[in-house]
Amino acid sequence: MLCGLNIFQNVKINSTVQIYNKIAGKYARSFNGSPEERSIILEFIKDHTPFKGISIEEVFENLESLVEMGIDGVETSRGTLAFSMFDMCRGGVPSKEMSKIMPKPAQAMTNIALKLNYPEKKFAFTEAYNRLPGKKLKEVLNDCPLILVGGMRGFPLMDQIVTNGEADFISLCRPLIREPLILKKWSQGNTNEPACVNCNKCLAGLAHHMVLQCREKKKF
């Protein structure tokens, strides 16, 4: 049984039913168990995620209870789509590419609106951006494995994090989209940095219902 855990760091969770439901829904979907187990987790989250929001301290308290309930591991996450996907996937904000899903007359204004609402400096990429909160979660988890995700790029740093006991597993996404065989390359001793530049144009492609692949140098 695996449970995905959101890290709401420096974010005031909005007190709306819509966001509350999205948070609860994310927990339920990311819990890899039987329907009965999913129901138990969902009820727990509903009971422990008040409309006013939840603090980091309360996250740790909830996590202790989830461990006691028998989860086999926790994968960190950051934020929720109710706020912005770019808080979860730090890096570029492909506003121009995403605006092209709109009719042509509306594309220019959509591009401007996206740039104003999602400035790139707000979502600037830093390597291993969940590392610090992950270390705090690990202290609560004890022997329950922690899967660290969020800007994991350089193999030496990932190796250091696991060796130091800060996390038990590393989760990758965008580097594998750019280089599906990167793990094989690392296993053969080539530990060069991933080619992914964190432009997030792969996400823009999904908005266009395109096949998931690196689109850094592709036209939309």
Protein backbone atom coordinates (compact mmCIF):
# COMPACT_ATOMS: atom_id res chain seq x y z
CA MET A 1 0.00 0.00 0.00
CA LEU A 2 1.51 3.30 -1.10
CA CYS A 3 0.19 6.75 -0.25
CA GLY A 4 1.07 9.99 -2.03
CA LEU A 5 1.58 12.89 0.37
CA ASN A 6 1.34 16.52 -0.61
CA ILE A 7 3.73 19.03 0.93
CA PHE A 8 2.06 22.41 1.29
CA GLN A 9 5.09 24.54 2.07
CA ASN A 10 4.64 28.30 2.43
CA VAL A 11 1.13 28.00 1.02
CA LYS A 12 -2.10 29.03 2.69
CA ILE A 13 -4.64 26.46 1.63
CA ASN A 14 -7.81 28.09 0.42
CA SER A 15 -10.90 27.39 2.47
CA THR A 16 -13.17 26.33 -0.36
CA VAL A 17 -15.01 23.08 -0.85
CA GLN A 18 -13.63 22.84 -4.39
CA ILE A 19 -9.98 22.80 -3.29
CA TYR A 20 -10.80 20.58 -0.33
CA ASN A 21 -12.38 18.04 -2.65
CA LYS A 22 -9.42 18.17 -5.02
CA ILE A 23 -7.02 17.54 -2.15
CA ALA A 24 -9.05 14.61 -0.85
CA GLY A 25 -9.42 13.25 -4.37
CA LYS A 26 -5.68 13.38 -4.95
CA TYR A 27 -5.04 11.41 -1.80
CA ALA A 28 -7.59 8.78 -2.81
CA ARG A 29 -6.25 8.42 -6.36
CA SER A 30 -2.63 8.22 -5.29
CA PHE A 31 -3.30 5.52 -2.69
CA ASN A 32 -2.39 2.23 -4.29
CA GLY A 33 -4.59 -0.26 -2.47
CA SER A 34 -7.88 -2.10 -2.57
CA PRO A 35 -11.18 -0.16 -2.84
CA GLU A 36 -11.78 -0.79 0.86
CA GLU A 37 -8.33 0.53 1.78
CA ARG A 38 -8.80 3.57 -0.47
CA SER A 39 -12.11 4.28 1.25
CA ILE A 40 -10.46 4.16 4.68
CA ILE A 41 -7.72 6.59 3.58
CA LEU A 42 -10.22 8.96 1.95
CA GLU A 43 -12.36 9.04 5.11
CA PHE A 44 -9.23 9.71 7.17
CA ILE A 45 -8.23 12.63 4.94
CA LYS A 46 -11.74 14.08 5.04
CA ASP A 47 -11.72 13.93 8.83
CA HIS A 48 -8.25 15.47 9.12
CA THR A 49 -8.29 18.10 6.36
CA PRO A 50 -10.57 20.91 7.57
CA PHE A 51 -11.87 23.56 5.19
CA LYS A 52 -9.63 26.16 6.85
CA GLY A 53 -6.58 24.32 5.60
CA ILE A 54 -3.85 22.21 7.12
CA SER A 55 -0.49 23.23 8.57
CA ILE A 56 2.86 21.48 8.11
CA GLU A 57 2.64 20.33 11.73
CA GLU A 58 -0.74 18.74 11.04
CA VAL A 59 0.72 17.01 7.97
CA PHE A 60 3.25 15.30 10.24
CA GLU A 61 0.56 14.30 12.72
CA ASN A 62 -1.56 12.84 9.93
CA LEU A 63 1.46 11.04 8.54
CA GLU A 64 2.10 9.30 11.85
CA SER A 65 -1.49 8.08 11.83
CA LEU A 66 -1.19 6.86 8.22
CA VAL A 67 1.94 4.89 9.10
CA GLU A 68 0.06 3.31 12.00
CA MET A 69 -2.69 2.35 9.54
CA GLY A 70 -0.20 0.19 7.68
CA ILE A 71 0.91 2.09 4.57
CA ASP A 72 4.05 0.61 3.00
CA GLY A 73 5.55 3.83 1.70
CA VAL A 74 5.02 7.53 1.03
CA GLU A 75 5.92 9.54 -2.06
CA THR A 76 6.34 13.25 -1.56
CA SER A 77 4.63 15.75 -3.79
CA ARG A 78 4.26 19.49 -3.70
CA GLY A 79 1.12 21.53 -3.97
CA THR A 80 -1.88 20.53 -6.00
CA LEU A 81 -3.43 21.34 -9.36
CA ALA A 82 -5.90 23.47 -7.42
CA PHE A 83 -3.03 25.97 -7.09
CA SER A 84 -0.75 25.35 -10.07
CA MET A 85 0.89 22.41 -11.81
CA PHE A 86 4.05 24.52 -12.01
CA ASP A 87 4.47 24.43 -8.24
CA MET A 88 4.60 20.65 -8.59
CA CYS A 89 6.79 20.74 -11.73
CA ARG A 90 9.22 23.60 -11.13
CA GLY A 91 10.86 25.17 -14.18
CA GLY A 92 9.68 26.94 -17.30
CA VAL A 93 6.13 28.10 -17.86
CA PRO A 94 5.39 27.48 -21.56
CA SER A 95 2.69 30.13 -21.79
CA LYS A 96 3.08 30.69 -25.54
CA GLU A 97 2.73 27.00 -26.32
CA MET A 98 -0.19 26.52 -23.94
CA SER A 99 -2.03 29.57 -25.26
CA LYS A 100 -2.26 27.91 -28.67
CA ILE A 101 -5.00 25.60 -27.44
CA MET A 102 -7.25 28.67 -27.72
CA PRO A 103 -8.80 30.01 -30.94
CA LYS A 104 -6.24 32.15 -32.79
CA PRO A 105 -7.84 35.54 -31.96
CA ALA A 106 -7.61 34.75 -28.23
CA GLN A 107 -4.07 33.37 -28.19
CA ALA A 108 -2.22 36.65 -27.61
CA MET A 109 -4.37 37.63 -24.62
CA THR A 110 -4.21 34.10 -23.21
CA ASN A 111 -0.41 34.20 -23.44
CA ILE A 112 -0.31 37.51 -21.56
CA ALA A 113 -2.74 36.23 -18.92
CA LEU A 114 -0.67 33.09 -18.34
CA LYS A 115 2.53 35.13 -17.99
CA LEU A 116 0.89 37.44 -15.45
CA ASN A 117 -0.67 34.67 -13.40
CA TYR A 118 2.22 32.22 -13.62
CA PRO A 119 5.48 34.22 -13.68
CA GLU A 120 8.46 31.95 -14.24
CA LYS A 121 10.43 33.44 -11.33
CA LYS A 122 7.70 32.20 -8.97
CA PHE A 123 8.25 28.63 -10.13
CA ALA A 124 12.02 28.76 -10.68
CA PHE A 125 13.66 25.35 -10.80
CA THR A 126 16.04 24.29 -8.06
CA GLU A 127 17.41 20.78 -7.84
CA ALA A 128 15.78 18.49 -5.28
CA TYR A 129 13.28 21.15 -4.18
CA ASN A 130 11.48 18.72 -1.86
CA ARG A 131 14.68 17.61 -0.11
CA LEU A 132 14.32 19.66 3.08
CA PRO A 133 10.66 18.82 3.80
CA GLY A 134 11.45 15.25 2.77
CA LYS A 135 14.09 15.02 5.51
CA LYS A 136 11.49 16.16 8.05
CA LEU A 137 9.00 13.60 6.77
CA LYS A 138 11.63 10.87 7.02
CA GLU A 139 12.02 11.60 10.74
CA VAL A 140 8.32 10.89 11.22
CA LEU A 141 8.21 7.84 8.94
CA ASN A 142 10.88 5.88 10.83
CA ASP A 143 11.10 2.55 8.97
CA CYS A 144 8.35 3.37 6.47
CA PRO A 145 10.07 4.04 3.09
CA LEU A 146 10.09 7.58 1.67
CA ILE A 147 10.08 8.09 -2.10
CA LEU A 148 11.51 11.54 -2.87
CA VAL A 149 10.33 13.35 -6.00
CA GLY A 150 10.73 16.92 -7.19
CA GLY A 151 13.64 18.19 -9.28
CA MET A 152 15.78 15.09 -8.87
CA ARG A 153 18.44 15.44 -11.55
CA GLY A 154 22.11 14.77 -10.83
CA PHE A 155 22.96 11.14 -10.10
CA PRO A 156 25.66 12.04 -7.50
CA LEU A 157 23.14 14.08 -5.47
CA MET A 158 20.50 11.34 -5.64
CA ASP A 159 23.08 8.79 -4.56
CA GLN A 160 24.07 11.04 -1.66
CA ILE A 161 20.46 11.49 -0.53
CA VAL A 162 19.83 7.74 -0.44
CA THR A 163 23.21 6.96 1.12
CA ASN A 164 22.60 9.55 3.87
CA GLY A 165 19.22 7.98 4.64
CA GLU A 166 17.27 11.11 3.69
CA ALA A 167 15.09 9.00 1.37
CA ASP A 168 14.78 5.33 0.47
CA PHE A 169 13.85 5.71 -3.18
CA ILE A 170 14.08 8.40 -5.86
CA SER A 171 11.21 9.19 -8.23
CA LEU A 172 11.84 10.68 -11.69
CA CYS A 173 9.49 11.97 -14.36
CA ARG A 174 10.68 14.68 -16.77
CA PRO A 175 14.24 13.31 -17.15
CA LEU A 176 12.71 9.99 -18.28
CA ILE A 177 10.48 11.78 -20.79
CA ARG A 178 13.59 13.32 -22.38
CA GLU A 179 15.81 10.23 -21.99
CA PRO A 180 13.82 7.01 -21.45
CA LEU A 181 17.07 5.00 -21.12
CA ILE A 182 18.79 7.34 -18.68
CA LEU A 183 18.77 4.74 -15.87
CA LYS A 184 20.56 2.27 -18.14
CA LYS A 185 23.14 4.96 -18.94
CA TRP A 186 23.73 5.62 -15.25
CA SER A 187 24.00 1.91 -14.48
CA GLN A 188 26.77 1.68 -17.10
CA GLY A 189 28.79 4.34 -15.30
CA ASN A 190 27.85 7.40 -17.38
CA THR A 191 26.54 9.71 -14.68
CA ASN A 192 26.38 12.90 -16.73
CA GLU A 193 23.58 15.36 -15.96
CA PRO A 194 20.21 14.62 -17.61
CA ALA A 195 19.50 16.42 -20.87
CA CYS A 196 16.15 17.71 -19.53
CA VAL A 197 16.19 21.51 -19.24
CA ASN A 198 12.93 21.75 -17.23
CA CYS A 199 11.17 23.82 -19.89
CA ASN A 200 7.87 21.99 -19.22
CA LYS A 201 6.93 21.99 -22.89
CA CYS A 202 6.15 18.30 -22.44
CA LEU A 203 3.27 19.42 -20.22
CA ALA A 204 2.15 21.93 -22.84
CA GLY A 205 1.96 19.05 -25.28
CA LEU A 206 -0.46 17.26 -22.98
CA ALA A 207 -2.69 20.35 -23.02
CA HIS A 208 -2.85 19.86 -26.81
CA HIS A 209 -3.68 16.14 -26.36
CA MET A 210 -0.32 15.24 -27.89
CA VAL A 211 1.72 12.13 -27.11
CA LEU A 212 3.85 12.61 -24.01
CA GLN A 213 7.41 13.31 -25.21
CA CYS A 214 10.10 15.97 -24.93
CA ARG A 215 9.04 18.99 -26.96
CA GLU A 216 11.82 21.45 -26.09
CA LYS A 217 12.75 22.01 -29.75
CA LYS A 218 9.42 21.19 -31.36
CA LYS A 219 6.97 23.70 -32.77
CA PHE A 220 3.36 23.89 -31.62
